Amino acid sequence: MNWKTLYTSKRLGDEKKYENEKSDPVRNAYLRDYDRLIFSSPFRRMQNKTQVFPVPGPIFVHNRLTHSLEVASVGRSLGKAVGVKLSQKYPEESADFHEFYRYDLPTVIATACLAHDIGNPPFGHSGESAIRNYFDNLSGETKDTLEAELSENQLNDFRRFEGNANAFRILTNADNGHKLTYTAIASIVKYPTDSTNGFDKTTGFIGTKKSGFFDSEIEIYRKVAAELNIRVLDDERNTYARHPFVFLMEAADDICYRIIDLEDAHRLRILSVQQVIDLLLPFWEKDEKTYNYIKNDKLHRIEDNNEKLSFLRAMLINLLSQKCTEAFLEHEKEMLAGNLNKSLIDILDTHTLACLKNVDKISISDIYNHKSVIEIEIAGYNVIGALLDEFVTAILHPQRPKSGKLLQLIPKQSNIKQGDLYNNIQIVVDFVAGMSDLYAVDLYRRITGITIH
């Protein structure tokens, strides 16, 4: 892969606008990508989707929307830092090259960050598990029908449902009006393989830990990869190298969720302020001057505990962003060859990795297994499972009176096709995965007559 061919302002599905937008002095194609996402319905719905802790509540915690906005802010900074360095490293390149990497790359990374969670279902990460669980445990006529009519790859799209692949589907759907640039679309695909060849940790390749596109979008990704000269690793297995920009989007997310989850846990009184300080302060132990300034000066002058953690959060985001920028530039050749098999956060220095490991340990034991988190996960299994059961049954038996009523609830722009079971089940999953937590619970209550709290 080559930095010169890894970007284009051409739009997927609207390539004719390419020349017109290139000459727009105010809003180029990359800024339009960002704006289109901000104003899109799937993006707005993230406001009522759980990040970790249940929403809404009396104490503000992050939802998918606020998380994505913060990740975009960090991603923009990473894009700027890397873009300027690449421009300086290759002074002989064209004016277009320098224009893109100095001024447009930050917007591309910010856009990818905005979209990185757009495919996630309601109820946090348990939403993905709930969808997988439903299709994994089908029985009777429903199981027999799906196994008879769907290919292995199509079945795996449901049994191994993945929010990243769903995001790619949402952003490339010809009917939803996004029509983003090839560059923005490629920058969100963390796992460039299909559902059958993903979820394979034996390969040692970071891109096959999960999946990045469904069977229905394989040809679309092929088109994106061809346009940007993304390396094909295994054509028969639909497996590609990661686009290098993905590493920056991923780093922004990795930085944010680790720190922000601690901040939210403190606001909810799950962790004390001292517990969080004890986790974050060690990141500067190798920098004695900064460590002493923070510990013995700055933290003593800030009286409000929330503000103390806000200060530490800002400092740590800056520190980790600098380290990830350096890691990106140090591993440039591996990325361009498609051989970098770790995230940027996982190739930082040993001291930083040890500090991150301590954060992860507490997050798993005290945050992700907290009662309130487990309760929302259980609710997710119940609600999503019940909704899928109702609508999948309606797809399989459209002649039943109740089925017709249920299918009327699915947005009219969804194209249910007679005789195309894969497409129709996908539409059901699109509908359920696109719901906010509140809408899913409300619809569940209305359909089943059961009230949950």
Protein backbone atom coordinates (compact mmCIF):
# COMPACT_ATOMS: atom_id res chain seq x y z
CA MET A 1 0.00 0.00 0.00
CA ASN A 2 1.08 3.56 -0.62
CA TRP A 3 0.18 6.84 1.11
CA LYS A 4 -0.53 8.36 -2.32
CA THR A 5 -3.27 5.88 -3.20
CA LEU A 6 -4.89 5.43 0.22
CA TYR A 7 -7.15 8.46 -0.14
CA THR A 8 -9.63 9.80 -2.66
CA SER A 9 -12.54 12.22 -2.49
CA LYS A 10 -14.61 9.97 -4.75
CA ARG A 11 -17.94 9.00 -3.22
CA LEU A 12 -19.17 5.43 -3.10
CA GLY A 13 -22.35 5.33 -5.16
CA ASP A 14 -22.03 8.93 -6.29
CA GLU A 15 -18.72 9.03 -8.14
CA LYS A 16 -19.91 11.69 -10.60
CA LYS A 17 -19.74 14.41 -7.92
CA TYR A 18 -16.01 13.86 -7.55
CA GLU A 19 -14.82 16.68 -9.81
CA ASN A 20 -17.38 19.21 -8.53
CA GLU A 21 -16.49 18.72 -4.88
CA LYS A 22 -12.75 18.87 -5.55
CA SER A 23 -13.10 22.49 -6.58
CA ASP A 24 -15.31 23.60 -3.66
CA PRO A 25 -13.18 26.06 -1.64
CA VAL A 26 -15.44 25.99 1.44
CA ARG A 27 -16.65 22.43 2.06
CA ASN A 28 -14.64 19.69 0.44
CA ALA A 29 -15.74 16.05 0.28
CA TYR A 30 -14.23 15.11 3.64
CA LEU A 31 -16.00 17.90 5.52
CA ARG A 32 -19.23 16.85 3.83
CA ASP A 33 -18.67 13.29 5.09
CA TYR A 34 -18.44 14.60 8.64
CA ASP A 35 -21.54 16.76 8.28
CA ARG A 36 -23.58 13.96 6.72
CA LEU A 37 -22.90 11.72 9.69
CA ILE A 38 -23.66 14.41 12.26
CA PHE A 39 -27.08 15.03 10.71
CA SER A 40 -27.93 11.36 10.08
CA SER A 41 -30.68 9.48 11.92
CA PRO A 42 -28.48 6.49 12.92
CA PHE A 43 -26.04 8.92 14.54
CA ARG A 44 -28.76 10.77 16.46
CA ARG A 45 -30.22 7.52 17.76
CA MET A 46 -26.96 6.81 19.57
CA GLN A 47 -28.03 9.43 22.12
CA ASN A 48 -30.27 6.82 23.74
CA LYS A 49 -27.99 3.83 23.33
CA THR A 50 -26.06 2.50 26.30
CA GLN A 51 -22.28 2.83 26.27
CA VAL A 52 -21.61 0.98 29.54
CA PHE A 53 -23.96 2.32 32.19
CA PRO A 54 -27.75 2.53 31.72
CA VAL A 55 -29.21 5.72 30.21
CA PRO A 56 -30.91 7.98 31.04
CA GLY A 57 -30.34 8.36 34.77
CA PRO A 58 -30.15 11.10 37.40
CA ILE A 59 -26.35 11.26 37.02
CA PHE A 60 -24.90 12.02 33.61
CA VAL A 61 -22.83 9.21 32.15
CA HIS A 62 -21.67 8.67 28.60
CA ASN A 63 -23.96 7.21 25.98
CA ARG A 64 -22.93 6.05 22.52
CA LEU A 65 -23.36 9.55 21.12
CA THR A 66 -21.27 11.47 23.66
CA HIS A 67 -18.63 8.74 23.54
CA SER A 68 -18.43 8.96 19.74
CA LEU A 69 -18.11 12.75 19.81
CA GLU A 70 -15.24 12.54 22.29
CA VAL A 71 -13.52 9.81 20.28
CA ALA A 72 -13.87 12.02 17.19
CA SER A 73 -12.14 14.86 19.01
CA VAL A 74 -9.19 12.65 19.94
CA GLY A 75 -9.16 11.11 16.47
CA ARG A 76 -8.97 14.53 14.85
CA SER A 77 -5.90 15.36 16.96
CA LEU A 78 -4.24 12.05 16.06
CA GLY A 79 -4.97 12.64 12.39
CA LYS A 80 -3.47 16.12 12.57
CA ALA A 81 -0.32 14.97 14.35
CA VAL A 82 0.29 12.06 11.96
CA GLY A 83 -0.70 13.99 8.84
CA VAL A 84 1.75 16.82 9.49
CA LYS A 85 4.57 14.34 10.13
CA LEU A 86 3.86 12.45 6.89
CA SER A 87 3.78 15.70 4.94
CA GLN A 88 7.14 16.69 6.42
CA LYS A 89 8.64 13.26 5.73
CA TYR A 90 7.74 13.31 2.03
CA PRO A 91 8.41 16.89 0.83
CA GLU A 92 8.78 15.73 -2.78
CA GLU A 93 5.13 14.66 -3.05
CA SER A 94 2.40 16.60 -4.87
CA ALA A 95 0.49 19.60 -3.56
CA ASP A 96 -2.60 17.39 -3.35
CA PHE A 97 -0.70 14.94 -1.10
CA HIS A 98 0.33 17.71 1.29
CA GLU A 99 -3.14 19.27 1.25
CA PHE A 100 -4.74 15.97 2.20
CA TYR A 101 -2.35 14.89 4.94
CA ARG A 102 -1.96 18.31 6.53
CA TYR A 103 -5.56 19.45 6.41
CA ASP A 104 -7.96 16.65 5.42
CA LEU A 105 -6.69 13.59 7.31
CA PRO A 106 -7.87 15.01 10.69
CA THR A 107 -11.41 15.27 9.32
CA VAL A 108 -11.29 11.76 7.84
CA ILE A 109 -10.24 10.25 11.18
CA ALA A 110 -12.83 12.30 13.08
CA THR A 111 -15.52 11.07 10.67
CA ALA A 112 -14.45 7.44 11.12
CA CYS A 113 -14.59 7.95 14.88
CA LEU A 114 -18.10 9.38 14.68
CA ALA A 115 -19.18 6.26 12.80
CA HIS A 116 -17.28 3.60 14.72
CA ASP A 117 -20.22 2.66 16.98
CA ILE A 118 -23.05 3.51 14.60
CA GLY A 119 -23.78 -0.17 13.94
CA ASN A 120 -24.00 -1.22 17.57
CA PRO A 121 -27.42 -2.39 18.81
CA PRO A 122 -29.09 -1.14 22.00
CA PHE A 123 -28.03 -2.23 25.50
CA GLY A 124 -24.29 -1.88 25.10
CA HIS A 125 -22.06 -4.74 24.05
CA SER A 126 -24.60 -7.24 25.33
CA GLY A 127 -26.82 -6.22 22.41
CA GLU A 128 -24.43 -7.91 20.00
CA SER A 129 -24.34 -11.01 22.18
CA ALA A 130 -28.14 -11.05 22.42
CA ILE A 131 -28.50 -11.10 18.63
CA ARG A 132 -25.90 -13.85 18.31
CA ASN A 133 -27.54 -15.81 21.12
CA TYR A 134 -30.96 -15.67 19.47
CA PHE A 135 -29.74 -17.07 16.15
CA ASP A 136 -27.39 -19.57 17.82
CA ASN A 137 -30.26 -21.10 19.76
CA LEU A 138 -32.96 -21.36 17.13
CA SER A 139 -34.97 -24.55 17.13
CA GLY A 140 -37.71 -26.33 15.25
CA GLU A 141 -39.13 -24.96 12.01
CA THR A 142 -37.34 -21.60 12.25
CA LYS A 143 -33.93 -23.26 12.54
CA ASP A 144 -34.67 -25.74 9.76
CA THR A 145 -35.87 -23.03 7.37
CA LEU A 146 -32.88 -20.74 7.89
CA GLU A 147 -30.37 -23.57 7.57
CA ALA A 148 -32.05 -24.81 4.39
CA GLU A 149 -32.27 -21.45 2.61
CA LEU A 150 -29.22 -19.51 3.80
CA SER A 151 -25.56 -20.12 2.94
CA GLU A 152 -23.00 -20.71 5.68
CA ASN A 153 -21.72 -17.15 5.35
CA GLN A 154 -25.23 -15.71 5.50
CA LEU A 155 -26.04 -17.73 8.62
CA ASN A 156 -22.82 -16.56 10.22
CA ASP A 157 -23.82 -12.94 9.62
CA PHE A 158 -26.50 -13.55 12.25
CA ARG A 159 -24.83 -16.11 14.50
CA ARG A 160 -21.72 -13.93 14.64
CA PHE A 161 -23.45 -10.59 14.40
CA GLU A 162 -20.87 -7.81 14.68
CA GLY A 163 -21.49 -4.10 15.21
CA ASN A 164 -18.50 -3.16 13.05
CA ALA A 165 -19.91 -5.07 10.08
CA ASN A 166 -23.31 -3.53 10.74
CA ALA A 167 -21.75 -0.06 10.66
CA PHE A 168 -20.28 -0.81 7.24
CA ARG A 169 -23.74 -1.95 6.07
CA ILE A 170 -25.40 1.24 7.36
CA LEU A 171 -22.83 3.54 5.78
CA THR A 172 -22.84 1.82 2.39
CA ASN A 173 -26.57 1.24 2.07
CA ALA A 174 -27.59 2.79 -1.25
CA ASP A 175 -30.92 4.00 0.15
CA ASN A 176 -29.82 5.89 3.25
CA GLY A 177 -28.21 8.84 1.51
CA HIS A 178 -24.79 8.78 3.19
CA LYS A 179 -22.72 8.21 0.03
CA LEU A 180 -19.47 8.82 1.91
CA THR A 181 -16.04 8.95 0.33
CA TYR A 182 -14.18 5.70 -0.21
CA THR A 183 -11.58 7.05 2.23
CA ALA A 184 -14.00 7.55 5.11
CA ILE A 185 -15.62 4.16 4.57
CA ALA A 186 -12.30 2.28 4.51
CA SER A 187 -11.21 4.04 7.69
CA ILE A 188 -13.89 2.37 9.85
CA VAL A 189 -13.25 -1.26 8.85
CA LYS A 190 -11.25 -2.67 11.77
CA TYR A 191 -11.77 -6.28 10.70
CA PRO A 192 -11.59 -6.50 6.88
CA THR A 193 -13.01 -9.98 6.45
CA ASP A 194 -16.41 -11.69 6.38
CA SER A 195 -18.38 -13.43 9.14
CA THR A 196 -17.13 -16.92 8.30
CA ASN A 197 -13.44 -16.02 8.24
CA GLY A 198 -13.62 -13.53 11.07
CA PHE A 199 -13.61 -14.42 14.77
CA ASP A 200 -10.47 -16.46 14.12
CA LYS A 201 -7.79 -15.66 16.69
CA THR A 202 -5.54 -18.51 15.55
CA THR A 203 -4.22 -16.55 12.56
CA GLY A 204 -2.44 -13.92 14.65
CA PHE A 205 -3.89 -11.28 12.31
CA ILE A 206 -5.66 -8.41 14.04
CA GLY A 207 -8.04 -8.04 11.10
CA THR A 208 -9.68 -11.44 11.64
CA LYS A 209 -10.45 -11.11 15.37
CA LYS A 210 -14.01 -10.23 14.33
CA SER A 211 -15.68 -9.36 11.02
CA GLY A 212 -16.01 -6.10 9.12
CA PHE A 213 -18.68 -6.76 6.51
CA PHE A 214 -21.62 -9.08 5.94
CA ASP A 215 -22.10 -11.39 2.96
CA SER A 216 -24.39 -8.78 1.40
CA GLU A 217 -21.60 -6.16 1.39
CA ILE A 218 -18.62 -8.27 0.28
CA GLU A 219 -18.64 -6.85 -3.24
CA ILE A 220 -18.91 -3.32 -1.89
CA TYR A 221 -15.79 -3.80 0.20
CA ARG A 222 -14.00 -5.30 -2.80
CA LYS A 223 -14.80 -2.12 -4.69
CA VAL A 224 -13.51 0.08 -1.85
CA ALA A 225 -10.32 -1.97 -1.53
CA ALA A 226 -9.67 -1.82 -5.28
CA GLU A 227 -10.19 1.95 -5.39
CA LEU A 228 -7.66 2.55 -2.60
CA ASN A 229 -5.24 -0.28 -3.46
CA ILE A 230 -5.75 -1.98 -0.11
CA ARG A 231 -3.73 -5.17 -0.04
CA VAL A 232 -5.62 -8.42 -0.56
CA LEU A 233 -4.37 -11.03 1.92
CA ASP A 234 -6.60 -13.94 0.90
CA ASP A 235 -9.05 -13.40 -1.94
CA GLU A 236 -10.86 -16.72 -1.43
CA ARG A 237 -11.40 -15.95 2.26
CA ASN A 238 -12.40 -12.32 1.59
CA THR A 239 -9.61 -11.12 3.84
CA TYR A 240 -7.73 -7.85 3.40
CA ALA A 241 -5.06 -5.82 5.14
CA ARG A 242 -6.28 -3.02 7.33
CA HIS A 243 -6.34 0.45 5.84
CA PRO A 244 -3.67 2.33 7.89
CA PHE A 245 -6.12 5.08 8.91
CA VAL A 246 -8.08 2.46 10.86
CA PHE A 247 -5.28 2.30 13.42
CA LEU A 248 -5.81 5.97 14.29
CA MET A 249 -9.58 5.59 14.67
CA GLU A 250 -9.03 2.51 16.85
CA ALA A 251 -6.44 4.30 18.99
CA ALA A 252 -8.81 7.20 19.66
CA ASP A 253 -11.49 4.75 20.81
CA ASP A 254 -9.03 2.73 22.92
CA ILE A 255 -7.80 5.88 24.65
CA CYS A 256 -11.24 7.29 25.36
CA TYR A 257 -13.18 4.33 26.66
CA ARG A 258 -10.51 3.29 29.14
CA ILE A 259 -10.37 6.72 30.76
CA ILE A 260 -14.00 7.77 30.39
CA ASP A 261 -15.34 4.56 31.93
CA LEU A 262 -13.33 5.33 35.08
CA GLU A 263 -14.69 8.86 35.16
CA ASP A 264 -18.27 7.61 34.84
CA ALA A 265 -17.67 4.98 37.52
CA HIS A 266 -16.56 7.71 39.90
CA ARG A 267 -19.63 9.83 39.18
CA LEU A 268 -21.79 6.81 39.98
CA ARG A 269 -19.79 6.17 43.18
CA ILE A 270 -18.61 2.79 42.00
CA LEU A 271 -14.99 3.94 42.35
CA SER A 272 -13.65 6.54 44.79
CA VAL A 273 -11.70 9.52 43.54
CA GLN A 274 -8.56 8.10 45.18
CA GLN A 275 -9.00 4.76 43.39
CA VAL A 276 -9.11 6.54 40.03
CA ILE A 277 -6.16 8.79 40.88
CA ASP A 278 -4.16 5.71 41.94
CA LEU A 279 -4.87 4.15 38.54
CA LEU A 280 -4.06 7.21 36.42
CA LEU A 281 -1.17 8.91 38.22
CA PRO A 282 1.33 6.05 37.62
CA PHE A 283 1.29 6.78 33.87
CA TRP A 284 3.72 9.65 34.62
CA GLU A 285 6.06 7.78 37.00
CA LYS A 286 8.80 7.71 34.35
CA ASP A 287 8.52 11.51 33.98
CA GLU A 288 9.48 12.70 37.46
CA LYS A 289 8.91 16.40 36.82
CA THR A 290 5.38 15.97 35.47
CA TYR A 291 4.54 13.32 38.07
CA ASN A 292 5.51 15.61 40.96
CA TYR A 293 3.72 18.58 39.40
CA ILE A 294 0.47 16.62 39.13
CA LYS A 295 0.67 14.83 42.48
CA ASN A 296 2.12 17.52 44.74
CA ASP A 297 0.86 20.68 43.11
CA LYS A 298 -2.01 20.56 40.62
CA LEU A 299 -4.25 18.00 42.33
CA HIS A 300 -3.93 19.84 45.65
CA ARG A 301 -5.06 23.11 44.06
CA ILE A 302 -8.20 21.58 42.52
CA GLU A 303 -10.85 21.25 45.23
CA ASP A 304 -13.67 19.53 43.30
CA ASN A 305 -13.12 15.79 42.88
CA ASN A 306 -14.85 15.66 39.51
CA GLU A 307 -12.57 18.43 38.26
CA LYS A 308 -9.51 16.57 39.54
CA LEU A 309 -10.43 13.62 37.38
CA SER A 310 -11.28 15.87 34.43
CA PHE A 311 -7.77 17.32 34.67
CA LEU A 312 -6.18 13.86 34.82
CA ARG A 313 -8.34 12.71 31.92
CA ALA A 314 -7.20 15.62 29.73
CA MET A 315 -3.55 15.07 30.64
CA LEU A 316 -3.70 11.33 30.01
CA ILE A 317 -5.52 11.65 26.69
CA ASN A 318 -2.76 14.02 25.57
CA LEU A 319 -0.02 11.66 26.78
CA LEU A 320 -1.49 8.56 25.14
CA SER A 321 -2.22 10.47 21.94
CA GLN A 322 1.44 11.49 21.68
CA LYS A 323 2.57 7.92 22.30
CA CYS A 324 0.14 6.50 19.71
CA THR A 325 1.30 9.07 17.16
CA GLU A 326 4.89 7.97 17.69
CA ALA A 327 3.90 4.30 17.46
CA PHE A 328 2.06 4.91 14.18
CA LEU A 329 5.08 6.60 12.60
CA GLU A 330 7.52 4.00 13.93
CA HIS A 331 5.49 1.16 12.40
CA GLU A 332 4.73 2.87 9.09
CA LYS A 333 6.35 0.17 6.95
CA GLU A 334 4.51 -2.66 8.70
CA MET A 335 1.18 -0.90 8.25
CA LEU A 336 1.74 -0.23 4.57
CA ALA A 337 2.73 -3.87 4.08
CA GLY A 338 -0.40 -5.01 5.93
CA ASN A 339 1.71 -6.78 8.55
CA LEU A 340 1.01 -4.81 11.73
CA ASN A 341 -0.97 -7.23 13.88
CA LYS A 342 -1.49 -5.20 17.03
CA SER A 343 -3.39 -2.02 17.79
CA LEU A 344 -1.30 1.09 18.44
CA ILE A 345 -2.22 1.05 22.13
CA ASP A 346 -0.85 -2.51 22.38
CA ILE A 347 2.60 -1.62 21.05
CA LEU A 348 3.36 1.20 23.47
CA ASP A 349 6.23 1.03 25.97
CA THR A 350 6.15 -1.60 28.72
CA HIS A 351 5.48 0.90 31.53
CA THR A 352 2.44 2.35 29.78
CA LEU A 353 1.16 -1.14 28.96
CA ALA A 354 1.48 -2.14 32.63
CA CYS A 355 -0.53 0.93 33.66
CA LEU A 356 -3.19 0.15 31.05
CA LYS A 357 -3.34 -3.44 32.29
CA ASN A 358 -4.12 -2.18 35.79
CA VAL A 359 -6.90 0.02 34.41
CA ASP A 360 -8.35 -2.90 32.46
CA LYS A 361 -8.23 -5.17 35.51
CA ILE A 362 -10.27 -2.76 37.66
CA SER A 363 -12.62 -1.97 34.78
CA ILE A 364 -13.47 -5.65 34.35
CA SER A 365 -13.83 -6.46 38.03
CA ASP A 366 -15.55 -3.31 39.32
CA ILE A 367 -17.18 -1.60 36.32
CA TYR A 368 -18.18 -4.07 33.61
CA ASN A 369 -19.41 -6.54 36.23
CA HIS A 370 -21.21 -3.97 38.34
CA LYS A 371 -24.83 -4.74 39.19
CA SER A 372 -26.25 -1.90 37.06
CA VAL A 373 -24.26 -3.03 34.02
CA ILE A 374 -25.27 -6.66 34.43
CA GLU A 375 -28.92 -5.67 34.83
CA ILE A 376 -28.95 -3.74 31.54
CA GLU A 377 -27.22 -6.68 29.83
CA ILE A 378 -29.89 -9.09 31.09
CA ALA A 379 -32.60 -6.70 29.93
CA GLY A 380 -30.89 -6.59 26.54
CA TYR A 381 -31.00 -10.35 26.18
CA ASN A 382 -34.68 -10.47 27.09
CA VAL A 383 -35.83 -7.52 25.00
CA ILE A 384 -33.75 -8.15 21.88
CA GLY A 385 -34.45 -11.88 21.96
CA ALA A 386 -38.20 -11.33 22.23
CA LEU A 387 -38.29 -8.68 19.49
CA LEU A 388 -36.28 -10.83 17.09
CA ASP A 389 -38.53 -13.79 17.78
CA GLU A 390 -41.65 -11.77 16.99
CA PHE A 391 -40.34 -10.25 13.77
CA VAL A 392 -38.48 -13.30 12.43
CA THR A 393 -41.65 -15.33 12.93
CA ALA A 394 -43.57 -12.64 11.03
CA ILE A 395 -41.09 -12.88 8.13
CA LEU A 396 -41.42 -16.67 8.01
CA HIS A 397 -45.23 -16.60 8.28
CA PRO A 398 -46.39 -13.37 6.61
CA GLN A 399 -49.87 -14.79 6.03
CA ARG A 400 -50.70 -14.75 9.73
CA PRO A 401 -52.85 -11.76 10.86
CA LYS A 402 -50.38 -10.70 13.56
CA SER A 403 -47.46 -10.90 11.12
CA GLY A 404 -48.94 -8.26 8.86
CA LYS A 405 -49.33 -5.87 11.78
CA LEU A 406 -45.79 -6.45 12.97
CA LEU A 407 -44.26 -5.94 9.53
CA GLN A 408 -46.07 -2.61 9.25
CA LEU A 409 -43.88 -1.37 12.11
CA ILE A 410 -40.72 -1.80 10.03
CA PRO A 411 -39.78 1.44 8.20
CA LYS A 412 -41.33 1.63 4.75
CA GLN A 413 -38.01 2.25 3.01
CA SER A 414 -36.93 -1.27 4.00
CA ASN A 415 -37.39 -3.44 0.95
CA ILE A 416 -38.91 -6.74 2.09
CA LYS A 417 -38.77 -9.09 -0.89
CA GLN A 418 -40.87 -12.18 -1.34
CA GLY A 419 -38.67 -15.26 -1.59
CA ASP A 420 -35.48 -13.56 -0.34
CA LEU A 421 -35.18 -14.84 3.22
CA TYR A 422 -31.63 -13.56 3.80
CA ASN A 423 -32.57 -10.02 2.81
CA ASN A 424 -35.73 -10.10 4.90
CA ILE A 425 -34.02 -11.40 8.05
CA GLN A 426 -31.37 -8.72 7.57
CA ILE A 427 -34.11 -6.08 7.49
CA VAL A 428 -35.43 -7.38 10.82
CA VAL A 429 -31.94 -7.27 12.34
CA ASP A 430 -31.41 -3.78 10.86
CA PHE A 431 -34.63 -2.66 12.52
CA VAL A 432 -33.88 -4.12 15.95
CA ALA A 433 -30.18 -3.16 15.97
CA GLY A 434 -31.09 0.40 15.00
CA MET A 435 -33.40 0.91 17.98
CA SER A 436 -32.49 3.05 20.96
CA ASP A 437 -32.65 1.38 24.37
CA LEU A 438 -35.83 3.28 25.21
CA TYR A 439 -37.63 2.46 21.98
CA ALA A 440 -36.68 -1.22 22.22
CA VAL A 441 -38.06 -1.46 25.76
CA ASP A 442 -41.22 0.44 24.82
CA LEU A 443 -41.89 -1.73 21.76
CA TYR A 444 -41.17 -4.89 23.75
CA ARG A 445 -43.69 -3.78 26.37
CA ARG A 446 -46.33 -2.92 23.80
CA ILE A 447 -45.95 -6.14 21.83
CA THR A 448 -45.69 -8.56 24.74
CA GLY A 449 -47.74 -6.71 27.33
CA ILE A 450 -44.88 -7.18 29.79
CA THR A 451 -43.52 -4.26 31.79
CA ILE A 452 -39.84 -4.23 32.75
CA HIS A 453 -38.02 -1.80 35.00
